[in-house]
Amino acid sequence: MRDRKKMGLNAIDLLAPKDWPVIQKHGITCSMCYIPGKVSLVDGFAGTEFHAGLVKDYEEGIPL
């Protein structure tokens, strides 16, 4: 991670909040959060039966 400035690396996508302290220690931010959950191509927002769980996960994750 010492060469991140040389490479122009300022952010990385799709890390879980538990991993943020490691990259923050090196001056890198997470530009797109990954919240592990039950979302897949078939078990996502298209199925209304998954909405309650997804809304809960996102309400917890978005403020992070």
C-alpha atoms as a PDB file:
ATOM      1  CA  MET A   1       0.000   0.000   0.000  1.00  0.00           C
ATOM      2  CA  ARG A   2       3.024   2.304   0.172  1.00  0.00           C
ATOM      3  CA  ASP A   3       2.814   3.025  -3.556  1.00  0.00           C
ATOM      4  CA  ARG A   4      -0.881   4.006  -3.562  1.00  0.00           C
ATOM      5  CA  LYS A   5      -0.072   7.684  -4.181  1.00  0.00           C
ATOM      6  CA  LYS A   6       2.239   6.792  -7.045  1.00  0.00           C
ATOM      7  CA  MET A   7      -0.541   4.678  -8.576  1.00  0.00           C
ATOM      8  CA  GLY A   8      -3.168   7.361  -7.934  1.00  0.00           C
ATOM      9  CA  LEU A   9      -5.174   5.022  -5.709  1.00  0.00           C
ATOM     10  CA  ASN A  10      -7.461   7.016  -3.440  1.00  0.00           C
ATOM     11  CA  ALA A  11     -10.450   4.696  -3.082  1.00  0.00           C
ATOM     12  CA  ILE A  12     -11.549   1.120  -3.557  1.00  0.00           C
ATOM     13  CA  ASP A  13     -15.040  -0.290  -4.099  1.00  0.00           C
ATOM     14  CA  LEU A  14     -17.059  -3.043  -2.501  1.00  0.00           C
ATOM     15  CA  LEU A  15     -15.453  -3.547   0.876  1.00  0.00           C
ATOM     16  CA  ALA A  16     -17.469  -4.403   3.940  1.00  0.00           C
ATOM     17  CA  PRO A  17     -17.443  -1.867   6.805  1.00  0.00           C
ATOM     18  CA  LYS A  18     -15.352  -4.256   8.904  1.00  0.00           C
ATOM     19  CA  ASP A  19     -12.519  -3.852   6.353  1.00  0.00           C
ATOM     20  CA  TRP A  20     -12.512  -0.047   6.273  1.00  0.00           C
ATOM     21  CA  PRO A  21     -10.042   0.515   9.135  1.00  0.00           C
ATOM     22  CA  VAL A  22      -7.308  -1.316   7.210  1.00  0.00           C
ATOM     23  CA  ILE A  23      -7.568   0.910   4.135  1.00  0.00           C
ATOM     24  CA  GLN A  24      -8.196   4.075   6.134  1.00  0.00           C
ATOM     25  CA  LYS A  25      -4.899   3.478   7.903  1.00  0.00           C
ATOM     26  CA  HIS A  26      -3.272   3.891   4.491  1.00  0.00           C
ATOM     27  CA  GLY A  27      -5.264   6.963   3.423  1.00  0.00           C
ATOM     28  CA  ILE A  28      -7.695   5.066   1.195  1.00  0.00           C
ATOM     29  CA  THR A  29     -11.472   5.314   1.367  1.00  0.00           C
ATOM     30  CA  CYS A  30     -14.172   2.887   0.344  1.00  0.00           C
ATOM     31  CA  SER A  31     -16.185   4.610  -2.382  1.00  0.00           C
ATOM     32  CA  MET A  32     -18.904   1.958  -2.643  1.00  0.00           C
ATOM     33  CA  CYS A  33     -19.914  -0.099   0.378  1.00  0.00           C
ATOM     34  CA  TYR A  34     -20.534  -3.816   0.251  1.00  0.00           C
ATOM     35  CA  ILE A  35     -23.141  -5.012   2.725  1.00  0.00           C
ATOM     36  CA  PRO A  36     -23.208  -8.784   2.841  1.00  0.00           C
ATOM     37  CA  GLY A  37     -26.668 -10.137   2.781  1.00  0.00           C
ATOM     38  CA  LYS A  38     -29.071 -12.358   1.015  1.00  0.00           C
ATOM     39  CA  VAL A  39     -29.206 -10.321  -2.190  1.00  0.00           C
ATOM     40  CA  SER A  40     -28.613 -12.169  -5.424  1.00  0.00           C
ATOM     41  CA  LEU A  41     -29.885 -11.909  -8.960  1.00  0.00           C
ATOM     42  CA  VAL A  42     -32.976 -13.889  -7.985  1.00  0.00           C
ATOM     43  CA  ASP A  43     -33.400 -12.861  -4.324  1.00  0.00           C
ATOM     44  CA  GLY A  44     -33.265  -9.092  -4.630  1.00  0.00           C
ATOM     45  CA  PHE A  45     -35.459  -6.036  -4.853  1.00  0.00           C
ATOM     46  CA  ALA A  46     -37.517  -7.561  -7.653  1.00  0.00           C
ATOM     47  CA  GLY A  47     -39.071  -9.948  -5.122  1.00  0.00           C
ATOM     48  CA  THR A  48     -41.308  -8.053  -2.726  1.00  0.00           C
ATOM     49  CA  GLU A  49     -40.911 -10.811  -0.163  1.00  0.00           C
ATOM     50  CA  PHE A  50     -37.276  -9.689   0.297  1.00  0.00           C
ATOM     51  CA  HIS A  51     -38.015  -5.973   0.754  1.00  0.00           C
ATOM     52  CA  ALA A  52     -38.244  -5.911   4.563  1.00  0.00           C
ATOM     53  CA  GLY A  53     -34.843  -7.557   5.005  1.00  0.00           C
ATOM     54  CA  LEU A  54     -33.208  -5.472   2.306  1.00  0.00           C
ATOM     55  CA  VAL A  55     -34.580  -2.198   3.658  1.00  0.00           C
ATOM     56  CA  LYS A  56     -33.262  -3.108   7.131  1.00  0.00           C
ATOM     57  CA  ASP A  57     -29.798  -3.945   5.747  1.00  0.00           C
ATOM     58  CA  TYR A  58     -29.613  -0.724   3.749  1.00  0.00           C
ATOM     59  CA  GLU A  59     -30.907   1.459   6.585  1.00  0.00           C
ATOM     60  CA  GLU A  60     -28.078   0.155   8.723  1.00  0.00           C
ATOM     61  CA  GLY A  61     -25.453   0.356   5.974  1.00  0.00           C
ATOM     62  CA  ILE A  62     -26.134   3.691   4.294  1.00  0.00           C
ATOM     63  CA  PRO A  63     -25.173   5.873   7.295  1.00  0.00           C
ATOM     64  CA  LEU A  64     -21.821   4.101   7.492  1.00  0.00           C
END
